Amino acid sequence: MIAANGRLKIAIQKNGRLTDDSVALLRACGLEFELSKQGLYSPAKNFELDILSLRDDDIPEYVQDGVADLGIVGENIIKEKRAHVETLIRLGYGWCRLVISVPQRGSIRSLADLRGKRIATTYPVILANFLKQQRLKAEIVELSGSVEIAPALDVADAICDLMSTGATARFNGLKPLYTVLESEAVLITSARVLRNKCKKELIDSLLIRVSGSLQAKGKRYMMMNAPVTAVPGLRKIIPSLKSPTIVPLADEGMVALHSVIAEDVFWDVMEKLKKAGASDIVVVPIETIIA
């Protein structure tokens, strides 16, 4: 049986906005697997790990109940399901906001104006907690989808829904009023799993891979040659994780400098390095950084 094979089990979203990034992260961690499009279960070939493809709404409960040892899911789902789980690491993707939006031409201009109004949402638990914290009494209209059109259909006066770019809300004549929650994908587990020595060792090993992959994301390894006299100036320019590696070259008075640089600042930094005396600059991708 899958449940009793002793391997780690990680639950990821079967189909949705987190699926591709979650699969890419696991592959970046060096895991080899064939993801089943139809089935529930995909074993890794080179690590004691099985991947379970589930509905994102079910993942927190599966982890909480011990069906899965780990899960990748949005923080918004965890809070809505009120799951008793522990966050191991934030994953830096799947970012979104849960936002209260109102009609652009309506009379609601502040949170106080929501008092006594109807708010449509697919996140009734989070919204109820928020309204309680704000001491606002409003009617929560729970919907299963198509929340954006609720005001136009006179089902609600406002909505509380996920927003990434805001384009859908604007298309439906809505504008953001207040951000209730900011969310991103996280890796979760349960306290019960962490008390299992064998599972804890496997999780620690996987976390090293995940952390290394996340640290390498958006970074490049840069190598260059330069005169020794130019090194002090170059060190001030190079945005290194720590101190750049400096290696003497065969040509007297010349050295090679190695460092890690963020991809989004590379071109600006490269121009400054050239002006400061660097030459033969080479930049290559990084798969993992183990600090």
C-alpha atoms as a PDB file:
ATOM      1  CA  MET A   1       0.000   0.000   0.000  1.00  0.00           C
ATOM      2  CA  ILE A   2       1.132   3.539  -0.791  1.00  0.00           C
ATOM      3  CA  ALA A   3       0.195   4.744   2.685  1.00  0.00           C
ATOM      4  CA  ALA A   4       2.446   2.203   4.399  1.00  0.00           C
ATOM      5  CA  ASN A   5       5.529   2.106   2.155  1.00  0.00           C
ATOM      6  CA  GLY A   6       7.635   4.217   4.558  1.00  0.00           C
ATOM      7  CA  ARG A   7       8.458   6.921   2.015  1.00  0.00           C
ATOM      8  CA  LEU A   8       7.835  10.643   2.457  1.00  0.00           C
ATOM      9  CA  LYS A   9       4.637  11.863   0.856  1.00  0.00           C
ATOM     10  CA  ILE A  10       4.289  15.388  -0.443  1.00  0.00           C
ATOM     11  CA  ALA A  11       0.970  16.757  -1.665  1.00  0.00           C
ATOM     12  CA  ILE A  12       0.902  19.330  -4.464  1.00  0.00           C
ATOM     13  CA  GLN A  13      -1.920  20.953  -6.376  1.00  0.00           C
ATOM     14  CA  LYS A  14      -3.129  18.687  -9.181  1.00  0.00           C
ATOM     15  CA  ASN A  15      -4.243  21.476 -11.515  1.00  0.00           C
ATOM     16  CA  GLY A  16      -4.021  25.179 -10.802  1.00  0.00           C
ATOM     17  CA  ARG A  17      -1.858  28.238 -10.459  1.00  0.00           C
ATOM     18  CA  LEU A  18       0.689  26.534  -8.156  1.00  0.00           C
ATOM     19  CA  THR A  19       1.084  23.289 -10.110  1.00  0.00           C
ATOM     20  CA  ASP A  20       3.752  24.211 -12.661  1.00  0.00           C
ATOM     21  CA  ASP A  21       5.925  26.098 -10.162  1.00  0.00           C
ATOM     22  CA  SER A  22       5.657  23.276  -7.610  1.00  0.00           C
ATOM     23  CA  VAL A  23       6.691  20.667 -10.156  1.00  0.00           C
ATOM     24  CA  ALA A  24       9.546  22.906 -11.341  1.00  0.00           C
ATOM     25  CA  LEU A  25      10.766  23.341  -7.751  1.00  0.00           C
ATOM     26  CA  LEU A  26      10.820  19.598  -7.108  1.00  0.00           C
ATOM     27  CA  ARG A  27      12.708  18.997 -10.348  1.00  0.00           C
ATOM     28  CA  ALA A  28      15.158  21.791  -9.459  1.00  0.00           C
ATOM     29  CA  CYS A  29      15.816  19.877  -6.231  1.00  0.00           C
ATOM     30  CA  GLY A  30      17.171  17.029  -8.359  1.00  0.00           C
ATOM     31  CA  LEU A  31      14.141  14.778  -7.966  1.00  0.00           C
ATOM     32  CA  GLU A  32      13.443  12.477 -10.879  1.00  0.00           C
ATOM     33  CA  PHE A  33       9.799  11.559 -11.399  1.00  0.00           C
ATOM     34  CA  GLU A  34       7.141  11.169 -14.058  1.00  0.00           C
ATOM     35  CA  LEU A  35       4.125  13.179 -12.975  1.00  0.00           C
ATOM     36  CA  SER A  36       0.924  11.256 -13.585  1.00  0.00           C
ATOM     37  CA  LYS A  37      -1.673  13.451 -15.311  1.00  0.00           C
ATOM     38  CA  GLN A  38      -4.549  11.203 -14.336  1.00  0.00           C
ATOM     39  CA  GLY A  39      -3.402   9.348 -11.231  1.00  0.00           C
ATOM     40  CA  LEU A  40      -2.936  10.435  -7.638  1.00  0.00           C
ATOM     41  CA  TYR A  41       0.522   9.023  -7.077  1.00  0.00           C
ATOM     42  CA  SER A  42       3.948   9.717  -8.654  1.00  0.00           C
ATOM     43  CA  PRO A  43       7.043   8.170  -6.997  1.00  0.00           C
ATOM     44  CA  ALA A  44      10.465   9.855  -7.183  1.00  0.00           C
ATOM     45  CA  LYS A  45      13.091   7.524  -8.612  1.00  0.00           C
ATOM     46  CA  ASN A  46      16.095   8.878  -6.685  1.00  0.00           C
ATOM     47  CA  PHE A  47      14.666   9.977  -3.331  1.00  0.00           C
ATOM     48  CA  GLU A  48      12.405   8.354  -0.749  1.00  0.00           C
ATOM     49  CA  LEU A  49       9.473  10.533  -1.788  1.00  0.00           C
ATOM     50  CA  ASP A  50       6.050  10.046  -3.329  1.00  0.00           C
ATOM     51  CA  ILE A  51       4.175  12.970  -4.908  1.00  0.00           C
ATOM     52  CA  LEU A  52       0.426  13.127  -4.367  1.00  0.00           C
ATOM     53  CA  SER A  53      -1.579  15.289  -6.766  1.00  0.00           C
ATOM     54  CA  LEU A  54      -4.606  16.679  -4.944  1.00  0.00           C
ATOM     55  CA  ARG A  55      -7.108  19.527  -4.938  1.00  0.00           C
ATOM     56  CA  ASP A  56      -5.457  22.475  -3.200  1.00  0.00           C
ATOM     57  CA  ASP A  57      -8.408  22.797  -0.806  1.00  0.00           C
ATOM     58  CA  ASP A  58      -7.712  19.270   0.475  1.00  0.00           C
ATOM     59  CA  ILE A  59      -3.952  19.612   1.028  1.00  0.00           C
ATOM     60  CA  PRO A  60      -3.946  21.287   4.488  1.00  0.00           C
ATOM     61  CA  GLU A  61      -6.317  18.670   5.911  1.00  0.00           C
ATOM     62  CA  TYR A  62      -4.370  15.772   4.381  1.00  0.00           C
ATOM     63  CA  VAL A  63      -1.178  17.101   5.994  1.00  0.00           C
ATOM     64  CA  GLN A  64      -2.933  17.824   9.281  1.00  0.00           C
ATOM     65  CA  ASP A  65      -4.338  14.281   9.406  1.00  0.00           C
ATOM     66  CA  GLY A  66      -1.056  12.600   8.428  1.00  0.00           C
ATOM     67  CA  VAL A  67      -2.190  11.292   5.038  1.00  0.00           C
ATOM     68  CA  ALA A  68       0.611  13.402   3.518  1.00  0.00           C
ATOM     69  CA  ASP A  69       3.824  14.262   5.378  1.00  0.00           C
ATOM     70  CA  LEU A  70       4.379  17.499   3.456  1.00  0.00           C
ATOM     71  CA  GLY A  71       2.310  19.817   1.328  1.00  0.00           C
ATOM     72  CA  ILE A  72       2.791  22.766  -0.989  1.00  0.00           C
ATOM     73  CA  VAL A  73      -0.160  25.116  -0.744  1.00  0.00           C
ATOM     74  CA  GLY A  74      -1.074  28.789  -0.569  1.00  0.00           C
ATOM     75  CA  GLU A  75      -1.277  30.439   2.849  1.00  0.00           C
ATOM     76  CA  ASN A  76      -4.787  31.588   1.973  1.00  0.00           C
ATOM     77  CA  ILE A  77      -5.980  27.966   1.845  1.00  0.00           C
ATOM     78  CA  ILE A  78      -4.343  27.122   5.175  1.00  0.00           C
ATOM     79  CA  LYS A  79      -6.042  30.028   6.924  1.00  0.00           C
ATOM     80  CA  GLU A  80      -9.410  29.364   5.311  1.00  0.00           C
ATOM     81  CA  LYS A  81      -9.321  25.695   6.330  1.00  0.00           C
ATOM     82  CA  ARG A  82      -8.030  26.564   9.816  1.00  0.00           C
ATOM     83  CA  ALA A  83      -5.573  23.688   9.480  1.00  0.00           C
ATOM     84  CA  HIS A  84      -3.205  22.766  12.322  1.00  0.00           C
ATOM     85  CA  VAL A  85       0.000  22.587  10.294  1.00  0.00           C
ATOM     86  CA  GLU A  86       3.519  24.018  10.521  1.00  0.00           C
ATOM     87  CA  THR A  87       5.164  26.121   7.814  1.00  0.00           C
ATOM     88  CA  LEU A  88       8.684  24.905   7.027  1.00  0.00           C
ATOM     89  CA  ILE A  89       9.669  27.429   4.358  1.00  0.00           C
ATOM     90  CA  ARG A  90       8.122  30.114   2.172  1.00  0.00           C
ATOM     91  CA  LEU A  91       8.578  29.257  -1.499  1.00  0.00           C
ATOM     92  CA  GLY A  92       8.520  32.643  -3.218  1.00  0.00           C
ATOM     93  CA  TYR A  93       5.856  31.914  -5.827  1.00  0.00           C
ATOM     94  CA  GLY A  94       2.079  31.808  -6.034  1.00  0.00           C
ATOM     95  CA  TRP A  95       1.914  35.307  -4.594  1.00  0.00           C
ATOM     96  CA  CYS A  96      -1.521  36.861  -4.405  1.00  0.00           C
ATOM     97  CA  ARG A  97      -3.695  39.092  -2.221  1.00  0.00           C
ATOM     98  CA  LEU A  98      -7.139  38.534  -0.776  1.00  0.00           C
ATOM     99  CA  VAL A  99      -8.759  41.887  -1.429  1.00  0.00           C
ATOM    100  CA  ILE A 100     -12.067  43.547  -0.701  1.00  0.00           C
ATOM    101  CA  SER A 101     -13.125  45.258  -3.919  1.00  0.00           C
ATOM    102  CA  VAL A 102     -16.082  47.553  -4.544  1.00  0.00           C
ATOM    103  CA  PRO A 103     -17.829  49.016  -7.603  1.00  0.00           C
ATOM    104  CA  GLN A 104     -15.803  51.846  -9.131  1.00  0.00           C
ATOM    105  CA  ARG A 105     -18.839  54.124  -9.314  1.00  0.00           C
ATOM    106  CA  GLY A 106     -20.396  53.056  -6.031  1.00  0.00           C
ATOM    107  CA  SER A 107     -20.688  54.876  -2.714  1.00  0.00           C
ATOM    108  CA  ILE A 108     -18.347  52.598  -0.735  1.00  0.00           C
ATOM    109  CA  ARG A 109     -15.080  54.452  -0.202  1.00  0.00           C
ATOM    110  CA  SER A 110     -13.823  53.158   3.164  1.00  0.00           C
ATOM    111  CA  LEU A 111     -14.064  50.094   5.379  1.00  0.00           C
ATOM    112  CA  ALA A 112     -16.639  51.871   7.526  1.00  0.00           C
ATOM    113  CA  ASP A 113     -18.922  52.109   4.479  1.00  0.00           C
ATOM    114  CA  LEU A 114     -19.123  48.283   4.430  1.00  0.00           C
ATOM    115  CA  ARG A 115     -21.197  48.259   7.591  1.00  0.00           C
ATOM    116  CA  GLY A 116     -24.497  46.541   6.858  1.00  0.00           C
ATOM    117  CA  LYS A 117     -23.454  45.696   3.273  1.00  0.00           C
ATOM    118  CA  ARG A 118     -23.321  42.324   1.527  1.00  0.00           C
ATOM    119  CA  ILE A 119     -19.853  40.956   0.706  1.00  0.00           C
ATOM    120  CA  ALA A 120     -19.515  37.997  -1.667  1.00  0.00           C
ATOM    121  CA  THR A 121     -16.553  35.663  -1.210  1.00  0.00           C
ATOM    122  CA  THR A 122     -15.199  32.136  -1.500  1.00  0.00           C
ATOM    123  CA  TYR A 123     -13.229  32.763   1.717  1.00  0.00           C
ATOM    124  CA  PRO A 124     -15.954  33.137   4.375  1.00  0.00           C
ATOM    125  CA  VAL A 125     -13.732  32.105   7.313  1.00  0.00           C
ATOM    126  CA  ILE A 126     -10.972  34.608   6.588  1.00  0.00           C
ATOM    127  CA  LEU A 127     -13.473  37.349   5.824  1.00  0.00           C
ATOM    128  CA  ALA A 128     -15.467  36.670   9.017  1.00  0.00           C
ATOM    129  CA  ASN A 129     -12.297  36.886  11.115  1.00  0.00           C
ATOM    130  CA  PHE A 130     -11.305  40.111   9.397  1.00  0.00           C
ATOM    131  CA  LEU A 131     -14.696  41.735   9.939  1.00  0.00           C
ATOM    132  CA  LYS A 132     -14.592  40.689  13.585  1.00  0.00           C
ATOM    133  CA  GLN A 133     -11.157  42.261  14.023  1.00  0.00           C
ATOM    134  CA  GLN A 134     -12.388  45.457  12.380  1.00  0.00           C
ATOM    135  CA  ARG A 135     -15.612  45.400  14.449  1.00  0.00           C
ATOM    136  CA  LEU A 136     -17.653  45.617  11.285  1.00  0.00           C
ATOM    137  CA  LYS A 137     -21.035  43.963  10.893  1.00  0.00           C
ATOM    138  CA  ALA A 138     -21.675  42.945   7.301  1.00  0.00           C
ATOM    139  CA  GLU A 139     -23.455  40.064   5.587  1.00  0.00           C
ATOM    140  CA  ILE A 140     -21.180  37.424   4.093  1.00  0.00           C
ATOM    141  CA  VAL A 141     -22.515  35.937   0.857  1.00  0.00           C
ATOM    142  CA  GLU A 142     -20.663  32.663   0.284  1.00  0.00           C
ATOM    143  CA  LEU A 143     -20.160  31.746  -3.386  1.00  0.00           C
ATOM    144  CA  SER A 144     -18.295  28.904  -5.039  1.00  0.00           C
ATOM    145  CA  GLY A 145     -17.068  30.906  -8.016  1.00  0.00           C
ATOM    146  CA  SER A 146     -17.562  33.923 -10.310  1.00  0.00           C
ATOM    147  CA  VAL A 147     -17.319  36.279  -7.351  1.00  0.00           C
ATOM    148  CA  GLU A 148     -16.419  39.296  -9.513  1.00  0.00           C
ATOM    149  CA  ILE A 149     -19.857  39.520 -11.123  1.00  0.00           C
ATOM    150  CA  ALA A 150     -21.767  39.449  -7.811  1.00  0.00           C
ATOM    151  CA  PRO A 151     -22.180  43.258  -7.541  1.00  0.00           C
ATOM    152  CA  ALA A 152     -23.337  43.549 -11.168  1.00  0.00           C
ATOM    153  CA  LEU A 153     -25.972  40.866 -10.500  1.00  0.00           C
ATOM    154  CA  ASP A 154     -26.998  42.626  -7.276  1.00  0.00           C
ATOM    155  CA  VAL A 155     -26.036  39.538  -5.307  1.00  0.00           C
ATOM    156  CA  ALA A 156     -23.629  41.614  -3.194  1.00  0.00           C
ATOM    157  CA  ASP A 157     -22.431  45.170  -2.652  1.00  0.00           C
ATOM    158  CA  ALA A 158     -18.746  44.233  -2.541  1.00  0.00           C
ATOM    159  CA  ILE A 159     -16.513  41.190  -2.972  1.00  0.00           C
ATOM    160  CA  CYS A 160     -13.582  39.638  -1.136  1.00  0.00           C
ATOM    161  CA  ASP A 161     -11.528  37.606  -3.584  1.00  0.00           C
ATOM    162  CA  LEU A 162      -7.998  36.724  -4.652  1.00  0.00           C
ATOM    163  CA  MET A 163      -6.197  39.291  -6.769  1.00  0.00           C
ATOM    164  CA  SER A 164      -2.848  39.090  -8.544  1.00  0.00           C
ATOM    165  CA  THR A 165      -2.810  41.763 -11.249  1.00  0.00           C
ATOM    166  CA  GLY A 166      -6.288  43.189 -10.631  1.00  0.00           C
ATOM    167  CA  ALA A 167      -7.187  42.990 -14.322  1.00  0.00           C
ATOM    168  CA  THR A 168     -10.257  40.802 -13.764  1.00  0.00           C
ATOM    169  CA  ALA A 169     -11.629  43.131 -11.106  1.00  0.00           C
ATOM    170  CA  ARG A 170     -11.166  46.185 -13.328  1.00  0.00           C
ATOM    171  CA  PHE A 171     -12.845  44.395 -16.234  1.00  0.00           C
ATOM    172  CA  ASN A 172     -15.891  43.876 -14.004  1.00  0.00           C
ATOM    173  CA  GLY A 173     -15.987  47.510 -12.915  1.00  0.00           C
ATOM    174  CA  LEU A 174     -14.415  46.965  -9.492  1.00  0.00           C
ATOM    175  CA  LYS A 175     -11.611  48.703  -7.623  1.00  0.00           C
ATOM    176  CA  PRO A 176      -9.596  47.442  -4.618  1.00  0.00           C
ATOM    177  CA  LEU A 177     -10.588  48.860  -1.248  1.00  0.00           C
ATOM    178  CA  TYR A 178      -8.541  46.914   1.286  1.00  0.00           C
ATOM    179  CA  THR A 179      -6.080  44.012   1.346  1.00  0.00           C
ATOM    180  CA  VAL A 180      -7.257  41.446   3.869  1.00  0.00           C
ATOM    181  CA  LEU A 181      -4.411  38.940   3.406  1.00  0.00           C
ATOM    182  CA  GLU A 182      -1.180  38.551   1.455  1.00  0.00           C
ATOM    183  CA  SER A 183      -0.363  34.994   0.485  1.00  0.00           C
ATOM    184  CA  GLU A 184       2.280  32.868  -1.219  1.00  0.00           C
ATOM    185  CA  ALA A 185       3.036  29.183  -1.588  1.00  0.00           C
ATOM    186  CA  VAL A 186       4.573  27.512   1.465  1.00  0.00           C
ATOM    187  CA  LEU A 187       5.879  24.063   2.340  1.00  0.00           C
ATOM    188  CA  ILE A 188       3.965  22.654   5.305  1.00  0.00           C
ATOM    189  CA  THR A 189       4.097  19.633   7.594  1.00  0.00           C
ATOM    190  CA  SER A 190       2.612  18.543  10.919  1.00  0.00           C
ATOM    191  CA  ALA A 191       4.119  18.325  14.398  1.00  0.00           C
ATOM    192  CA  ARG A 192       3.396  14.596  14.399  1.00  0.00           C
ATOM    193  CA  VAL A 193       5.566  14.007  11.331  1.00  0.00           C
ATOM    194  CA  LEU A 194       8.436  16.039  12.794  1.00  0.00           C
ATOM    195  CA  ARG A 195       8.441  13.740  15.841  1.00  0.00           C
ATOM    196  CA  ASN A 196       9.115  10.759  13.563  1.00  0.00           C
ATOM    197  CA  LYS A 197      12.924  10.474  13.474  1.00  0.00           C
ATOM    198  CA  CYS A 198      13.141   8.746  10.084  1.00  0.00           C
ATOM    199  CA  LYS A 199      10.701  11.153   8.421  1.00  0.00           C
ATOM    200  CA  LYS A 200      12.440  14.154  10.058  1.00  0.00           C
ATOM    201  CA  GLU A 201      15.789  13.103   8.558  1.00  0.00           C
ATOM    202  CA  LEU A 202      14.257  12.834   5.101  1.00  0.00           C
ATOM    203  CA  ILE A 203      12.528  16.207   5.502  1.00  0.00           C
ATOM    204  CA  ASP A 204      15.785  17.865   6.597  1.00  0.00           C
ATOM    205  CA  SER A 205      17.521  16.426   3.542  1.00  0.00           C
ATOM    206  CA  LEU A 206      14.771  17.674   1.240  1.00  0.00           C
ATOM    207  CA  LEU A 207      14.788  21.108   2.904  1.00  0.00           C
ATOM    208  CA  ILE A 208      18.499  21.519   2.114  1.00  0.00           C
ATOM    209  CA  ARG A 209      17.666  20.955  -1.546  1.00  0.00           C
ATOM    210  CA  VAL A 210      14.652  23.281  -1.499  1.00  0.00           C
ATOM    211  CA  SER A 211      16.548  26.051   0.282  1.00  0.00           C
ATOM    212  CA  GLY A 212      19.501  25.729  -2.085  1.00  0.00           C
ATOM    213  CA  SER A 213      17.234  25.880  -5.112  1.00  0.00           C
ATOM    214  CA  LEU A 214      15.395  28.951  -3.800  1.00  0.00           C
ATOM    215  CA  GLN A 215      18.636  30.768  -3.010  1.00  0.00           C
ATOM    216  CA  ALA A 216      19.875  30.124  -6.546  1.00  0.00           C
ATOM    217  CA  LYS A 217      16.683  31.405  -8.149  1.00  0.00           C
ATOM    218  CA  GLY A 218      17.279  34.605 -10.082  1.00  0.00           C
ATOM    219  CA  LYS A 219      21.048  34.477  -9.506  1.00  0.00           C
ATOM    220  CA  ARG A 220      24.020  33.889 -11.791  1.00  0.00           C
ATOM    221  CA  TYR A 221      27.647  32.891 -11.225  1.00  0.00           C
ATOM    222  CA  MET A 222      30.017  35.542 -12.565  1.00  0.00           C
ATOM    223  CA  MET A 223      33.731  35.204 -13.370  1.00  0.00           C
ATOM    224  CA  MET A 224      36.088  37.921 -14.603  1.00  0.00           C
ATOM    225  CA  ASN A 225      39.763  38.786 -14.948  1.00  0.00           C
ATOM    226  CA  ALA A 226      41.300  42.023 -13.671  1.00  0.00           C
ATOM    227  CA  PRO A 227      44.564  43.644 -12.596  1.00  0.00           C
ATOM    228  CA  VAL A 228      45.379  43.229  -8.905  1.00  0.00           C
ATOM    229  CA  THR A 229      45.332  47.004  -8.557  1.00  0.00           C
ATOM    230  CA  ALA A 230      41.679  47.098  -9.658  1.00  0.00           C
ATOM    231  CA  VAL A 231      40.469  44.581  -7.027  1.00  0.00           C
ATOM    232  CA  PRO A 232      39.591  47.097  -4.242  1.00  0.00           C
ATOM    233  CA  GLY A 233      37.349  49.051  -6.625  1.00  0.00           C
ATOM    234  CA  LEU A 234      35.776  45.912  -8.085  1.00  0.00           C
ATOM    235  CA  ARG A 235      34.958  44.515  -4.636  1.00  0.00           C
ATOM    236  CA  LYS A 236      32.912  47.622  -3.906  1.00  0.00           C
ATOM    237  CA  ILE A 237      30.869  47.051  -7.079  1.00  0.00           C
ATOM    238  CA  ILE A 238      30.313  43.282  -6.910  1.00  0.00           C
ATOM    239  CA  PRO A 239      27.109  42.419  -4.962  1.00  0.00           C
ATOM    240  CA  SER A 240      28.374  39.093  -3.582  1.00  0.00           C
ATOM    241  CA  LEU A 241      26.667  36.706  -1.167  1.00  0.00           C
ATOM    242  CA  LYS A 242      29.773  37.013   0.991  1.00  0.00           C
ATOM    243  CA  SER A 243      33.262  37.976  -0.218  1.00  0.00           C
ATOM    244  CA  PRO A 244      34.172  37.293  -3.866  1.00  0.00           C
ATOM    245  CA  THR A 245      36.671  34.516  -4.563  1.00  0.00           C
ATOM    246  CA  ILE A 246      39.987  35.924  -5.863  1.00  0.00           C
ATOM    247  CA  VAL A 247      42.435  33.592  -7.649  1.00  0.00           C
ATOM    248  CA  PRO A 248      45.919  34.565  -8.987  1.00  0.00           C
ATOM    249  CA  LEU A 249      46.416  34.029 -12.735  1.00  0.00           C
ATOM    250  CA  ALA A 250      49.531  32.920 -14.625  1.00  0.00           C
ATOM    251  CA  ASP A 251      50.064  36.476 -15.871  1.00  0.00           C
ATOM    252  CA  GLU A 252      51.784  38.435 -13.107  1.00  0.00           C
ATOM    253  CA  GLY A 253      49.636  41.142 -11.624  1.00  0.00           C
ATOM    254  CA  MET A 254      46.374  39.588 -12.851  1.00  0.00           C
ATOM    255  CA  VAL A 255      43.657  37.774 -10.875  1.00  0.00           C
ATOM    256  CA  ALA A 256      40.323  36.066 -11.514  1.00  0.00           C
ATOM    257  CA  LEU A 257      37.299  37.103  -9.448  1.00  0.00           C
ATOM    258  CA  HIS A 258      34.325  34.788  -8.919  1.00  0.00           C
ATOM    259  CA  SER A 259      31.042  35.898  -7.369  1.00  0.00           C
ATOM    260  CA  VAL A 260      27.273  35.445  -7.342  1.00  0.00           C
ATOM    261  CA  ILE A 261      25.074  38.187  -8.745  1.00  0.00           C
ATOM    262  CA  ALA A 262      21.345  38.781  -9.023  1.00  0.00           C
ATOM    263  CA  GLU A 263      20.134  38.449 -12.600  1.00  0.00           C
ATOM    264  CA  ASP A 264      18.060  41.643 -12.484  1.00  0.00           C
ATOM    265  CA  VAL A 265      21.101  43.864 -11.749  1.00  0.00           C
ATOM    266  CA  PHE A 266      23.636  42.062 -13.943  1.00  0.00           C
ATOM    267  CA  TRP A 267      23.764  44.468 -16.889  1.00  0.00           C
ATOM    268  CA  ASP A 268      24.069  47.555 -14.722  1.00  0.00           C
ATOM    269  CA  VAL A 269      26.823  45.938 -12.634  1.00  0.00           C
ATOM    270  CA  MET A 270      28.655  44.595 -15.696  1.00  0.00           C
ATOM    271  CA  GLU A 271      29.036  48.082 -17.174  1.00  0.00           C
ATOM    272  CA  LYS A 272      30.478  49.363 -13.901  1.00  0.00           C
ATOM    273  CA  LEU A 273      32.869  46.399 -13.692  1.00  0.00           C
ATOM    274  CA  LYS A 274      34.139  47.025 -17.222  1.00  0.00           C
ATOM    275  CA  LYS A 275      34.820  50.664 -16.410  1.00  0.00           C
ATOM    276  CA  ALA A 276      36.629  49.626 -13.213  1.00  0.00           C
ATOM    277  CA  GLY A 277      39.061  47.354 -15.092  1.00  0.00           C
ATOM    278  CA  ALA A 278      37.381  43.948 -15.369  1.00  0.00           C
ATOM    279  CA  SER A 279      37.679  41.908 -18.584  1.00  0.00           C
ATOM    280  CA  ASP A 280      36.682  38.505 -19.951  1.00  0.00           C
ATOM    281  CA  ILE A 281      33.461  38.554 -17.918  1.00  0.00           C
ATOM    282  CA  VAL A 282      31.614  35.209 -17.992  1.00  0.00           C
ATOM    283  CA  VAL A 283      28.171  34.606 -16.483  1.00  0.00           C
ATOM    284  CA  VAL A 284      26.613  31.141 -16.074  1.00  0.00           C
ATOM    285  CA  PRO A 285      23.353  29.834 -14.518  1.00  0.00           C
ATOM    286  CA  ILE A 286      23.231  28.453 -10.974  1.00  0.00           C
ATOM    287  CA  GLU A 287      21.138  25.437 -10.053  1.00  0.00           C
ATOM    288  CA  THR A 288      21.680  25.373  -6.293  1.00  0.00           C
ATOM    289  CA  ILE A 289      23.347  27.405  -3.541  1.00  0.00           C
ATOM    290  CA  ILE A 290      24.144  25.645  -0.248  1.00  0.00           C
ATOM    291  CA  ALA A 291      25.020  28.321   2.297  1.00  0.00           C
END
